[in-house]
Amino acid sequence: MFIYNVTTNIEEDVHDEWLEWMKNIHIPSMLQTGKFESALMSKVDVIESMGGITYSVQYKIQNKKTLQRYFEEDFERLKKQTQLFEGKFVSFTTEMEIIHQVG
């Protein structure tokens, strides 16, 4: 099992709109690809020197092959959705393998 993590710092002037968009449009669109099993969105408890508010979304995915299929088949289309907030956020991704899970 893997986690595809997307960490985003969003500017405060569009924060509320972005948060609703993430919860109601973008995350559901990611799950509708059929490649991710679940999504967990968390607010990062940090004060950024650059300002803004930081969030992490962790998408659980079965294996690297399925994640590669996401990049090949869905990534560009879903990335285009973010143009609505162009210039108002910075993001980075992390791919993690789950080694042990309790509960």
Protein backbone atom coordinates (compact mmCIF):
# COMPACT_ATOMS: atom_id res chain seq x y z
CA MET A 1 0.00 0.00 0.00
CA PHE A 2 1.23 3.51 -0.83
CA ILE A 3 0.35 7.09 0.01
CA TYR A 4 0.48 9.86 -2.56
CA ASN A 5 0.80 13.01 -0.43
CA VAL A 6 0.18 16.52 -1.77
CA THR A 7 1.20 19.38 0.53
CA THR A 8 -0.13 22.81 -0.44
CA ASN A 9 0.32 26.29 0.98
CA ILE A 10 -2.62 28.47 -0.07
CA GLU A 11 -2.77 32.25 0.22
CA GLU A 12 -5.23 33.50 2.80
CA ASP A 13 -7.22 35.73 0.40
CA VAL A 14 -8.49 32.66 -1.50
CA HIS A 15 -8.29 30.15 1.36
CA ASP A 16 -12.01 29.69 2.03
CA GLU A 17 -12.89 29.29 -1.66
CA TRP A 18 -9.96 26.88 -2.19
CA LEU A 19 -10.86 24.77 0.85
CA GLU A 20 -14.46 24.32 -0.34
CA TRP A 21 -13.19 23.55 -3.86
CA MET A 22 -10.79 20.92 -2.48
CA LYS A 23 -13.48 19.24 -0.37
CA ASN A 24 -16.30 19.36 -2.94
CA ILE A 25 -14.58 19.20 -6.33
CA HIS A 26 -10.90 18.30 -6.44
CA ILE A 27 -10.65 15.49 -3.89
CA PRO A 28 -13.85 13.83 -5.21
CA SER A 29 -12.40 14.11 -8.74
CA MET A 30 -9.22 12.37 -7.58
CA LEU A 31 -11.24 9.55 -6.01
CA GLN A 32 -13.46 9.26 -9.11
CA THR A 33 -10.42 8.13 -11.13
CA GLY A 34 -10.89 4.80 -9.37
CA LYS A 35 -7.21 4.64 -8.56
CA PHE A 36 -7.25 5.90 -4.97
CA GLU A 37 -8.91 4.07 -2.09
CA SER A 38 -9.32 7.05 0.24
CA ALA A 39 -8.22 10.60 0.94
CA LEU A 40 -7.34 12.28 4.23
CA MET A 41 -6.99 16.07 4.36
CA SER A 42 -5.12 17.63 7.28
CA LYS A 43 -4.19 21.17 8.19
CA VAL A 44 -0.46 21.43 8.90
CA ASP A 45 0.11 23.02 12.30
CA VAL A 46 2.88 25.42 11.29
CA ILE A 47 3.28 29.16 10.89
CA GLU A 48 4.85 29.76 7.49
CA SER A 49 7.31 32.62 7.10
CA MET A 50 5.88 33.17 3.61
CA GLY A 51 2.34 33.35 5.02
CA GLY A 52 -0.61 31.33 3.86
CA ILE A 53 -2.13 28.20 5.32
CA THR A 54 -0.70 24.75 4.67
CA TYR A 55 -2.61 21.50 4.11
CA SER A 56 -1.64 17.92 3.38
CA VAL A 57 -3.87 15.53 1.44
CA GLN A 58 -2.92 11.88 1.65
CA TYR A 59 -4.38 9.64 -1.04
CA LYS A 60 -4.12 5.93 -0.26
CA ILE A 61 -3.34 3.79 -3.30
CA GLN A 62 -2.82 0.05 -3.74
CA ASN A 63 0.54 0.02 -5.55
CA LYS A 64 3.10 1.96 -7.56
CA LYS A 65 1.73 0.58 -10.84
CA THR A 66 -1.66 2.15 -10.13
CA LEU A 67 0.01 5.42 -9.15
CA GLN A 68 1.93 5.38 -12.45
CA ARG A 69 -1.37 4.85 -14.28
CA TYR A 70 -2.75 7.91 -12.46
CA PHE A 71 0.18 10.00 -13.74
CA GLU A 72 -0.27 8.69 -17.29
CA GLU A 73 -4.07 8.85 -17.50
CA ASP A 74 -5.35 11.52 -15.08
CA PHE A 75 -2.64 13.83 -13.75
CA GLU A 76 -2.64 16.49 -16.48
CA ARG A 77 -6.44 16.74 -16.57
CA LEU A 78 -6.71 17.12 -12.80
CA LYS A 79 -3.77 19.51 -12.62
CA LYS A 80 -5.64 21.82 -15.02
CA GLN A 81 -8.41 22.15 -12.41
CA THR A 82 -5.94 24.02 -10.17
CA GLN A 83 -5.62 26.87 -12.70
CA LEU A 84 -8.53 28.48 -10.90
CA PHE A 85 -6.03 29.31 -8.11
CA GLU A 86 -2.93 29.86 -10.25
CA GLY A 87 -0.32 32.03 -8.54
CA LYS A 88 -2.09 31.68 -5.17
CA PHE A 89 -0.51 28.43 -3.96
CA VAL A 90 2.63 26.32 -3.90
CA SER A 91 2.54 22.53 -3.72
CA PHE A 92 4.88 19.59 -3.52
CA THR A 93 4.23 15.87 -3.60
CA THR A 94 5.67 12.93 -1.71
CA GLU A 95 5.24 9.25 -2.49
CA MET A 96 5.36 7.00 0.58
CA GLU A 97 5.18 3.25 1.07
CA ILE A 98 3.20 2.05 4.09
CA ILE A 99 5.42 -0.34 6.03
CA HIS A 100 3.27 -0.96 9.11
CA GLN A 101 -0.21 0.06 10.14
CA VAL A 102 -2.12 -0.52 13.35
CA GLY A 103 -5.85 0.05 13.42
